[in-house]
Amino acid sequence: MTRFGLPWHADGPNLVIEADNLAVLRTLPDEAVRLIYIDPPFNTGRVQKRQSITTPRSAGGENGSRIGFKGESYGTVKGQVTAYDDVFADYWGFLEPRLDEAWRVLAPDGTLYLHLDYREVHYAKVLLDALFGRASFLNEIIWAYDYGARSKSRWPAKHDNILVYVKDPKNYVFDAGAVDREPYMAPGLVTPEKAALGKLPTDVWWHTIVSPTGREKTGYATQKPEGVLRRIIQASSREGDWVLDFFAGSGTTGAVAGALGRRFIMVDNNPEAIAVMRRRLNVT
């Protein structure tokens, strides 16, 4: 039993947990989940309760610690990066211990998808290189969309960034054959057979946001479209695997994971999010 009164074991039921996600992560066993997708707050100025911890890692350290950026210690790299921006240092103080726990609970062949935007992704990339090891970086996915306000003083920002890290760069799940394919942009340049089959998506994904009047809409402000999560879950997990989202929001990760035959753990501390997920996912 966890401290939240909910059982978790490899053959247990899907879970929706209302609690602080760091506390929940610390109750999960090592190497428990195949895939983690998180869409944390983007550091846009919203007040958060954050705690700051230090997790020094030395290159080739005595405890088998992970070799970081250019072989430097994790603490050194973190200090260098956060020195650039006090606001980011505060944000990373919130996010860092959660990502450290995420690394621990990932299966040996597991994958982390971290969904951010232009405000933090460049800092997060360097710090995840240190946390996971630079060789564990797999992709930066650009999710591009075309909706919302348009600036006339600069190029309108119409994309998010999704960093993809694997726990072991020599052993991870990536099932290209399971991913929904997309049309060729120039079908006349390939054979009719290839045009009919479509192509594997690249690292740039054109996908509309959740329509305000569409079937998927739950009313939750930061809801992400099922199509984006479908690609992630199809590629980086298998049927029966556990999928974890500890900034779960409207529960899109759980909805797609369940539809694809995966099991899920959804965590959020917002009662509104929990109510939406319990309706949407049919989990009490």
Protein backbone atom coordinates (compact mmCIF):
# COMPACT_ATOMS: atom_id res chain seq x y z
CA MET A 1 0.00 0.00 0.00
CA THR A 2 1.19 3.52 -0.69
CA ARG A 3 0.79 6.33 1.77
CA PHE A 4 -2.14 7.52 -0.39
CA GLY A 5 -4.18 4.41 0.38
CA LEU A 6 -3.84 3.14 -3.19
CA PRO A 7 -2.16 -0.16 -4.02
CA TRP A 8 0.42 -0.31 -6.77
CA HIS A 9 1.92 -3.44 -8.17
CA ALA A 10 2.85 -4.61 -11.62
CA ASP A 11 -0.52 -6.30 -12.21
CA GLY A 12 -2.61 -3.68 -10.43
CA PRO A 13 -5.36 -1.37 -11.72
CA ASN A 14 -4.99 1.95 -13.46
CA LEU A 15 -4.59 4.81 -10.98
CA VAL A 16 -5.61 8.46 -10.76
CA ILE A 17 -3.97 9.99 -7.68
CA GLU A 18 -4.68 13.41 -6.16
CA ALA A 19 -1.49 14.36 -4.33
CA ASP A 20 1.82 16.18 -4.61
CA ASN A 21 3.62 14.36 -7.40
CA LEU A 22 7.00 14.30 -5.69
CA ALA A 23 5.52 12.48 -2.71
CA VAL A 24 3.87 9.95 -5.03
CA LEU A 25 7.04 9.38 -7.05
CA ARG A 26 8.94 8.55 -3.89
CA THR A 27 6.52 5.70 -3.15
CA LEU A 28 6.97 4.00 -6.54
CA PRO A 29 9.52 1.19 -6.82
CA ASP A 30 12.64 1.39 -8.95
CA GLU A 31 12.26 0.68 -12.67
CA ALA A 32 8.47 0.40 -12.43
CA VAL A 33 7.31 2.12 -15.66
CA ARG A 34 8.27 1.90 -19.32
CA LEU A 35 7.27 5.42 -20.37
CA ILE A 36 6.97 8.79 -18.67
CA TYR A 37 5.39 11.78 -20.39
CA ILE A 38 5.12 15.05 -18.49
CA ASP A 39 3.84 18.48 -19.45
CA PRO A 40 4.86 20.62 -16.45
CA PRO A 41 4.07 24.31 -15.99
CA PHE A 42 6.11 26.37 -18.45
CA ASN A 43 7.48 28.90 -15.93
CA THR A 44 5.28 31.70 -17.20
CA GLY A 45 5.19 33.49 -13.85
CA ARG A 46 2.58 31.44 -12.00
CA VAL A 47 3.36 31.15 -8.29
CA GLN A 48 4.48 27.66 -7.25
CA LYS A 49 5.54 26.17 -3.95
CA ARG A 50 9.02 24.88 -4.71
CA GLN A 51 11.71 23.15 -2.73
CA SER A 52 15.38 23.34 -3.59
CA ILE A 53 17.61 20.30 -3.28
CA THR A 54 21.12 19.50 -4.42
CA THR A 55 21.95 16.26 -6.20
CA PRO A 56 25.69 16.28 -6.93
CA ARG A 57 26.94 13.66 -9.37
CA SER A 58 30.61 13.11 -10.16
CA ALA A 59 31.88 11.71 -13.46
CA GLY A 60 32.52 8.02 -12.95
CA GLY A 61 31.79 8.50 -9.27
CA GLU A 62 32.21 5.96 -6.51
CA ASN A 63 28.49 5.22 -6.42
CA GLY A 64 28.19 4.55 -10.15
CA SER A 65 26.74 8.01 -10.73
CA ARG A 66 25.85 8.97 -14.27
CA ILE A 67 28.45 10.81 -16.33
CA GLY A 68 27.13 14.25 -17.14
CA PHE A 69 27.72 16.97 -19.72
CA LYS A 70 31.38 16.81 -20.92
CA GLY A 71 32.06 14.44 -18.06
CA GLU A 72 31.51 17.14 -15.45
CA SER A 73 29.63 16.61 -12.23
CA TYR A 74 25.91 17.15 -12.29
CA GLY A 75 26.14 19.78 -9.57
CA THR A 76 28.69 21.78 -11.56
CA VAL A 77 26.64 21.80 -14.74
CA LYS A 78 23.47 22.70 -12.87
CA GLY A 79 25.24 25.58 -11.17
CA GLN A 80 26.64 26.93 -14.43
CA VAL A 81 23.28 26.83 -16.20
CA THR A 82 21.10 28.19 -13.43
CA ALA A 83 23.54 31.03 -12.84
CA TYR A 84 22.26 32.56 -16.07
CA ASP A 85 18.74 33.10 -14.84
CA ASP A 86 17.52 33.34 -11.24
CA VAL A 87 13.95 32.63 -12.28
CA PHE A 88 15.04 29.46 -14.03
CA ALA A 89 17.07 28.37 -11.00
CA ASP A 90 13.88 28.60 -8.95
CA TYR A 91 11.93 26.68 -11.61
CA TRP A 92 14.57 23.97 -11.77
CA GLY A 93 14.52 23.74 -7.98
CA PHE A 94 10.90 22.69 -8.42
CA LEU A 95 11.37 20.37 -11.41
CA GLU A 96 14.75 18.79 -10.69
CA PRO A 97 13.85 16.44 -7.83
CA ARG A 98 10.84 15.21 -9.82
CA LEU A 99 13.01 14.40 -12.83
CA ASP A 100 15.54 12.69 -10.61
CA GLU A 101 12.76 10.43 -9.29
CA ALA A 102 11.53 9.92 -12.86
CA TRP A 103 14.94 8.52 -13.82
CA ARG A 104 14.78 6.13 -10.87
CA VAL A 105 11.31 4.74 -11.65
CA LEU A 106 11.96 4.30 -15.40
CA ALA A 107 12.50 0.75 -16.55
CA PRO A 108 16.02 -0.03 -17.84
CA ASP A 109 14.71 0.38 -21.41
CA GLY A 110 12.36 3.24 -20.51
CA THR A 111 11.90 6.67 -22.08
CA LEU A 112 11.11 10.15 -20.74
CA TYR A 113 9.25 12.77 -22.80
CA LEU A 114 9.50 16.28 -21.29
CA HIS A 115 7.09 18.76 -22.90
CA LEU A 116 8.15 22.42 -22.57
CA ASP A 117 8.28 25.54 -24.70
CA TYR A 118 10.89 28.07 -25.78
CA ARG A 119 11.14 29.68 -22.32
CA GLU A 120 12.92 26.77 -20.65
CA VAL A 121 13.78 24.08 -23.17
CA HIS A 122 17.34 25.25 -23.84
CA TYR A 123 18.16 25.20 -20.12
CA ALA A 124 16.37 21.90 -19.60
CA LYS A 125 18.30 20.27 -22.46
CA VAL A 126 21.68 20.96 -20.89
CA LEU A 127 20.52 19.90 -17.45
CA LEU A 128 18.92 16.68 -18.71
CA ASP A 129 22.20 15.91 -20.47
CA ALA A 130 23.77 16.05 -17.03
CA LEU A 131 21.00 14.15 -15.27
CA PHE A 132 20.55 11.31 -17.78
CA GLY A 133 23.91 11.47 -19.56
CA ARG A 134 24.40 13.21 -22.87
CA ALA A 135 24.31 9.95 -24.84
CA SER A 136 20.78 9.36 -23.54
CA PHE A 137 19.35 12.26 -25.56
CA LEU A 138 17.24 10.74 -28.34
CA ASN A 139 15.29 13.59 -29.95
CA GLU A 140 13.88 17.05 -29.65
CA ILE A 141 10.40 16.91 -31.14
CA ILE A 142 8.87 20.13 -32.41
CA TRP A 143 5.08 20.12 -32.12
CA ALA A 144 3.88 22.84 -34.50
CA TYR A 145 0.32 24.17 -34.59
CA ASP A 146 -1.49 27.11 -36.14
CA TYR A 147 -4.01 28.62 -33.75
CA GLY A 148 -4.35 31.55 -31.37
CA ALA A 149 -3.09 35.12 -31.22
CA ARG A 150 -0.49 36.36 -33.69
CA SER A 151 2.24 38.85 -32.86
CA LYS A 152 2.99 41.56 -35.43
CA SER A 153 6.30 42.54 -33.83
CA ARG A 154 8.04 39.14 -34.24
CA TRP A 155 7.52 35.73 -35.80
CA PRO A 156 4.50 34.26 -33.97
CA ALA A 157 5.49 31.44 -31.60
CA LYS A 158 3.43 28.44 -32.69
CA HIS A 159 5.28 25.39 -31.45
CA ASP A 160 6.18 23.46 -28.31
CA ASN A 161 9.32 21.43 -27.67
CA ILE A 162 9.35 17.84 -26.42
CA LEU A 163 12.71 16.52 -25.21
CA VAL A 164 13.12 12.74 -25.43
CA TYR A 165 15.63 10.92 -23.23
CA VAL A 166 16.17 7.19 -22.85
CA LYS A 167 17.54 5.59 -19.71
CA ASP A 168 19.94 3.37 -21.65
CA PRO A 169 21.03 4.63 -25.11
CA LYS A 170 21.93 1.05 -26.12
CA ASN A 171 18.65 -0.54 -25.04
CA TYR A 172 15.31 1.23 -25.35
CA VAL A 173 11.86 0.69 -26.83
CA PHE A 174 11.14 2.40 -30.15
CA ASP A 175 8.55 0.66 -32.34
CA ALA A 176 8.46 2.59 -35.60
CA GLY A 177 6.09 0.05 -37.12
CA ALA A 178 3.40 0.79 -34.53
CA VAL A 179 3.28 4.54 -35.16
CA ASP A 180 0.45 6.02 -37.23
CA ARG A 181 1.95 7.10 -40.53
CA GLU A 182 1.34 10.41 -42.26
CA PRO A 183 1.00 11.45 -45.93
CA TYR A 184 4.05 12.41 -47.96
CA MET A 185 4.14 16.14 -48.65
CA ALA A 186 5.21 15.38 -52.23
CA PRO A 187 3.65 11.98 -53.02
CA GLY A 188 4.61 12.29 -56.65
CA LEU A 189 8.28 11.89 -55.71
CA VAL A 190 7.83 8.38 -54.28
CA THR A 191 6.36 5.17 -55.63
CA PRO A 192 2.58 4.68 -55.53
CA GLU A 193 3.10 1.94 -52.94
CA LYS A 194 5.03 4.28 -50.65
CA ALA A 195 2.53 7.07 -51.16
CA ALA A 196 -0.33 4.76 -50.18
CA LEU A 197 1.53 3.55 -47.07
CA GLY A 198 2.58 7.01 -45.91
CA LYS A 199 5.74 7.84 -44.00
CA LEU A 200 7.00 7.68 -40.46
CA PRO A 201 6.67 11.12 -38.84
CA THR A 202 9.89 13.08 -38.48
CA ASP A 203 10.85 15.10 -35.41
CA VAL A 204 8.56 17.95 -36.56
CA TRP A 205 4.89 17.17 -35.89
CA TRP A 206 2.17 19.31 -37.44
CA HIS A 207 -0.94 18.76 -35.35
CA THR A 208 -3.73 21.13 -34.42
CA ILE A 209 -4.45 21.96 -30.79
CA VAL A 210 -7.56 20.56 -29.14
CA SER A 211 -10.50 22.24 -30.85
CA PRO A 212 -12.62 24.38 -28.48
CA THR A 213 -15.71 22.70 -29.95
CA GLY A 214 -14.26 19.27 -30.73
CA ARG A 215 -15.05 15.83 -29.36
CA GLU A 216 -11.87 15.68 -27.28
CA LYS A 217 -12.44 18.92 -25.40
CA THR A 218 -12.81 18.46 -21.65
CA GLY A 219 -12.78 22.12 -20.65
CA TYR A 220 -9.37 21.82 -18.99
CA ALA A 221 -7.19 24.78 -19.96
CA THR A 222 -3.91 23.03 -20.80
CA GLN A 223 -5.33 19.92 -22.46
CA LYS A 224 -3.08 18.36 -25.10
CA PRO A 225 -4.41 16.58 -28.21
CA GLU A 226 -4.70 12.82 -28.24
CA GLY A 227 -2.89 12.60 -31.59
CA VAL A 228 0.36 13.88 -30.10
CA LEU A 229 0.23 11.43 -27.19
CA ARG A 230 -0.74 8.57 -29.50
CA ARG A 231 2.53 8.82 -31.39
CA ILE A 232 4.54 8.92 -28.18
CA ILE A 233 2.83 5.94 -26.59
CA GLN A 234 2.79 3.86 -29.78
CA ALA A 235 6.52 4.37 -30.32
CA SER A 236 7.93 4.11 -26.80
CA SER A 237 5.83 1.45 -25.06
CA ARG A 238 4.19 -1.89 -25.68
CA GLU A 239 0.79 -3.31 -24.80
CA GLY A 240 0.57 -4.01 -21.09
CA ASP A 241 3.33 -1.54 -20.18
CA TRP A 242 2.93 1.07 -17.46
CA VAL A 243 2.77 4.71 -18.54
CA LEU A 244 3.23 7.50 -15.98
CA ASP A 245 2.20 11.16 -16.20
CA PHE A 246 2.72 13.08 -12.97
CA PHE A 247 1.53 16.44 -14.29
CA ALA A 248 -1.55 14.70 -15.66
CA GLY A 249 -3.97 17.64 -16.08
CA SER A 250 -6.93 16.55 -18.17
CA GLY A 251 -5.69 12.95 -18.42
CA THR A 252 -4.94 12.77 -22.14
CA THR A 253 -1.98 10.48 -21.47
CA GLY A 254 -4.21 8.05 -19.58
CA ALA A 255 -6.99 8.19 -22.18
CA VAL A 256 -4.61 7.29 -25.01
CA ALA A 257 -2.66 4.74 -22.96
CA GLY A 258 -5.87 2.93 -22.03
CA ALA A 259 -7.13 2.93 -25.61
CA LEU A 260 -3.83 1.41 -26.76
CA GLY A 261 -3.85 -1.36 -24.17
CA ARG A 262 -1.35 0.18 -21.78
CA ARG A 263 -1.80 0.69 -18.05
CA PHE A 264 -1.42 4.10 -16.49
CA ILE A 265 -0.67 6.11 -13.36
CA MET A 266 -1.96 9.69 -13.50
CA VAL A 267 -0.98 12.16 -10.75
CA ASP A 268 -2.09 15.74 -10.18
CA ASN A 269 -2.70 17.92 -7.13
CA ASN A 270 -5.44 20.03 -8.74
CA PRO A 271 -8.94 18.86 -7.70
CA GLU A 272 -10.36 20.16 -11.00
CA ALA A 273 -7.92 17.97 -12.94
CA ILE A 274 -8.75 14.95 -10.81
CA ALA A 275 -12.49 15.43 -11.39
CA VAL A 276 -11.96 15.71 -15.16
CA MET A 277 -9.76 12.60 -15.25
CA ARG A 278 -12.09 10.46 -13.18
CA ARG A 279 -14.95 11.25 -15.55
CA ARG A 280 -12.85 10.83 -18.65
CA LEU A 281 -10.95 7.70 -17.63
CA ASN A 282 -13.70 5.98 -15.63
CA VAL A 283 -11.34 5.53 -12.67
CA THR A 284 -12.49 6.22 -9.11
